[in-house]
Amino acid sequence: MTETGRFLDLDKLIRKIAEYLIDVENSDAIVAQSAQKICKLLYYTEKDPLIQPQSLRTNSGNPSPTFETLAEAQQFILGKRVLLVPRVPAEEERGSFIICIIDDFTLSPNKQFKPNKIIFDVLCHHDDWLLENTLRPFVIMQQIDNIFNNRKLSIGNIEFGGCRSIVLTPTMIGYQLVYKNVSIN
């Protein structure tokens, strides 16, 4: 028996959001291109992650494992780099991470809707911030914004609501992106 309900619908929403982040085969070219960049930025620690192999099959000194299929690589990224369970990566853990959460639920005045926020914590090990021409967290945030800003995921379009810097540990630093969303009560 599958239980249903308003809050369980949010579980479906957060999973859908996480899947967009790694959906390199999405029919929407913007989503597919941005997801490919996100996967490379999260998988490769090199200063030139966007020119690394599309398949994520080669290692080239990367601490991440190699994969035979794109699906295996996506599952690794979804389980180890795109996190649905909020956790602080260990200080010695190299790499970049996106933590996805839905937060700040309220009830609209007419009690029919639940405004909430979709939050992306973009965290990068301080040794992985510098890319060849820019900073890794900003490239990741741009790709997230390309995918989600003004996209309809529930009853209305989500919209950018703000960004702030976050320092979780001396080595895990990044930004928190916030998007406004509305769900049915």
Protein backbone atom coordinates (compact mmCIF):
# COMPACT_ATOMS: atom_id res chain seq x y z
CA MET A 1 0.00 0.00 0.00
CA THR A 2 1.39 3.37 -1.03
CA GLU A 3 0.62 6.23 1.28
CA THR A 4 -0.27 9.59 -0.25
CA GLY A 5 -0.49 13.08 1.14
CA ARG A 6 0.64 16.65 0.80
CA PHE A 7 4.00 16.17 2.48
CA LEU A 8 4.65 12.94 0.60
CA ASP A 9 4.08 14.93 -2.59
CA LEU A 10 7.04 17.06 -1.50
CA ASP A 11 9.14 13.89 -1.40
CA LYS A 12 8.26 13.35 -5.06
CA LEU A 13 9.12 16.98 -5.79
CA ILE A 14 12.57 16.86 -4.17
CA ARG A 15 13.37 13.63 -6.03
CA LYS A 16 12.24 15.24 -9.29
CA ILE A 17 14.50 18.22 -8.57
CA ALA A 18 17.48 15.94 -7.91
CA GLU A 19 16.80 14.02 -11.12
CA TYR A 20 16.79 17.26 -13.13
CA LEU A 21 20.28 17.99 -11.81
CA ILE A 22 21.69 14.82 -13.41
CA ASP A 23 19.30 14.38 -16.38
CA VAL A 24 21.82 14.70 -19.22
CA GLU A 25 19.33 13.11 -21.62
CA ASN A 26 16.42 15.49 -20.91
CA SER A 27 14.44 16.51 -24.00
CA ASP A 28 14.86 20.16 -22.95
CA ALA A 29 18.31 21.09 -24.31
CA ILE A 30 18.93 23.67 -21.57
CA VAL A 31 18.27 21.11 -18.84
CA ALA A 32 20.39 18.46 -20.59
CA GLN A 33 23.36 20.80 -21.16
CA SER A 34 23.24 22.22 -17.65
CA ALA A 35 22.89 18.74 -16.12
CA GLN A 36 25.93 17.55 -18.10
CA LYS A 37 27.95 20.47 -16.74
CA ILE A 38 26.73 19.85 -13.19
CA CYS A 39 27.69 16.17 -13.42
CA LYS A 40 31.18 17.04 -14.62
CA LEU A 41 31.64 19.79 -12.02
CA LEU A 42 30.59 17.41 -9.24
CA TYR A 43 32.46 14.38 -10.53
CA TYR A 44 35.81 15.79 -11.66
CA THR A 45 38.08 17.66 -9.25
CA GLU A 46 40.41 18.93 -12.00
CA LYS A 47 40.59 22.64 -12.84
CA ASP A 48 39.10 21.91 -16.28
CA PRO A 49 36.12 19.63 -15.54
CA LEU A 50 34.01 20.76 -18.48
CA ILE A 51 36.49 19.41 -21.05
CA GLN A 52 36.68 15.99 -19.38
CA PRO A 53 35.06 12.96 -21.06
CA GLN A 54 31.31 13.13 -21.44
CA SER A 55 30.86 9.52 -20.32
CA LEU A 56 32.56 9.99 -16.92
CA ARG A 57 34.35 6.69 -17.67
CA THR A 58 37.98 7.71 -17.30
CA ASN A 59 39.67 8.39 -14.00
CA SER A 60 42.75 10.58 -14.70
CA GLY A 61 43.69 10.77 -11.03
CA ASN A 62 40.16 11.61 -9.91
CA PRO A 63 39.27 10.20 -6.46
CA SER A 64 35.84 9.24 -7.82
CA PRO A 65 35.41 5.73 -9.25
CA THR A 66 35.12 4.98 -12.96
CA PHE A 67 31.90 3.70 -14.56
CA GLU A 68 30.90 1.56 -17.49
CA THR A 69 27.60 3.33 -18.18
CA LEU A 70 26.18 6.81 -17.85
CA ALA A 71 23.43 5.41 -15.60
CA GLU A 72 26.05 4.11 -13.15
CA ALA A 73 27.75 7.51 -13.10
CA GLN A 74 24.43 9.29 -12.54
CA GLN A 75 23.58 7.00 -9.63
CA PHE A 76 26.98 7.67 -8.07
CA ILE A 77 26.46 11.42 -8.44
CA LEU A 78 22.91 11.24 -7.08
CA GLY A 79 23.99 9.21 -4.08
CA LYS A 80 27.36 10.79 -3.33
CA ARG A 81 27.37 14.33 -4.78
CA VAL A 82 23.70 15.37 -5.08
CA LEU A 83 22.34 14.75 -1.62
CA LEU A 84 18.70 14.50 -0.59
CA VAL A 85 19.63 13.84 3.02
CA PRO A 86 21.23 16.96 4.50
CA ARG A 87 24.69 16.13 5.76
CA VAL A 88 27.93 17.97 6.10
CA PRO A 89 30.65 16.29 4.04
CA ALA A 90 33.65 15.27 6.13
CA GLU A 91 36.53 17.74 6.15
CA GLU A 92 38.84 15.28 4.42
CA GLU A 93 36.21 14.51 1.74
CA ARG A 94 37.32 16.13 -1.51
CA GLY A 95 34.83 17.15 -4.14
CA SER A 96 31.78 19.28 -4.68
CA PHE A 97 28.25 18.65 -3.45
CA ILE A 98 24.70 19.89 -3.90
CA ILE A 99 22.34 19.35 -0.99
CA CYS A 100 18.66 19.69 -2.00
CA ILE A 101 16.01 20.45 0.61
CA ILE A 102 12.52 21.92 0.79
CA ASP A 103 12.11 24.27 3.72
CA ASP A 104 10.23 27.18 5.25
CA PHE A 105 6.64 25.98 4.83
CA THR A 106 3.88 28.45 5.52
CA LEU A 107 0.16 28.51 4.86
CA SER A 108 -1.26 31.06 2.44
CA PRO A 109 -3.96 33.42 3.76
CA ASN A 110 -6.66 31.50 1.81
CA LYS A 111 -5.31 28.22 3.29
CA GLN A 112 -5.28 26.53 -0.13
CA PHE A 113 -1.54 26.76 -0.78
CA LYS A 114 1.73 26.11 1.04
CA PRO A 115 4.46 28.49 -0.05
CA ASN A 116 7.86 26.93 0.56
CA LYS A 117 11.47 27.26 -0.48
CA ILE A 118 13.61 24.92 -2.51
CA ILE A 119 17.15 25.23 -1.21
CA PHE A 120 20.35 24.15 -2.92
CA ASP A 121 23.47 24.17 -0.77
CA VAL A 122 26.37 24.23 -3.22
CA LEU A 123 29.47 23.10 -1.34
CA CYS A 124 33.00 22.75 -2.66
CA HIS A 125 36.17 21.65 -0.94
CA HIS A 126 38.39 24.74 -0.74
CA ASP A 127 41.04 23.01 -2.89
CA ASP A 128 38.48 22.57 -5.69
CA TRP A 129 37.13 26.12 -5.93
CA LEU A 130 39.49 27.42 -8.59
CA LEU A 131 38.83 26.43 -12.18
CA GLU A 132 40.90 27.69 -15.10
CA ASN A 133 38.88 30.89 -15.66
CA THR A 134 36.31 31.09 -12.88
CA LEU A 135 35.19 29.67 -9.55
CA ARG A 136 33.52 26.25 -9.43
CA PRO A 137 30.61 27.22 -7.09
CA PHE A 138 29.53 30.02 -9.44
CA VAL A 139 29.48 27.71 -12.46
CA ILE A 140 27.44 25.14 -10.53
CA MET A 141 25.01 27.82 -9.33
CA GLN A 142 24.58 29.15 -12.88
CA GLN A 143 23.69 25.67 -14.12
CA ILE A 144 21.17 25.20 -11.29
CA ASP A 145 19.62 28.55 -12.16
CA ASN A 146 19.51 27.62 -15.86
CA ILE A 147 17.52 24.51 -14.96
CA PHE A 148 15.17 25.83 -12.28
CA ASN A 149 14.56 29.57 -12.46
CA ASN A 150 10.99 30.14 -13.73
CA ARG A 151 10.44 26.40 -14.32
CA LYS A 152 7.08 24.89 -13.44
CA LEU A 153 7.62 21.96 -11.09
CA SER A 154 4.48 22.04 -8.97
CA ILE A 155 1.49 24.39 -9.30
CA GLY A 156 3.44 27.45 -10.36
CA ASN A 157 6.82 28.53 -11.64
CA ILE A 158 9.60 28.53 -9.10
CA GLU A 159 11.57 31.74 -8.92
CA PHE A 160 14.92 32.81 -7.60
CA GLY A 161 14.61 34.02 -4.02
CA GLY A 162 18.18 34.75 -2.98
CA CYS A 163 21.67 33.50 -2.33
CA ARG A 164 24.09 33.67 0.58
CA SER A 165 27.54 32.33 1.35
CA ILE A 166 27.92 29.41 3.76
CA VAL A 167 30.95 28.03 5.56
CA LEU A 168 30.22 24.59 6.99
CA THR A 169 33.76 23.58 7.90
CA PRO A 170 37.19 25.11 7.32
CA THR A 171 37.42 23.09 4.09
CA MET A 172 33.76 22.90 2.92
CA ILE A 173 32.60 26.29 1.71
CA GLY A 174 29.94 27.44 -0.72
CA TYR A 175 26.64 29.14 -1.29
CA GLN A 176 22.99 28.53 -0.52
CA LEU A 177 20.60 29.20 -3.40
CA VAL A 178 16.95 29.71 -2.50
CA TYR A 179 13.99 29.41 -4.87
CA LYS A 180 10.40 30.22 -4.01
CA ASN A 181 7.83 27.51 -4.69
CA VAL A 182 4.14 26.95 -3.99
CA SER A 183 2.45 23.62 -3.26
CA ILE A 184 -1.21 22.79 -2.78
CA ASN A 185 -2.27 22.54 0.89
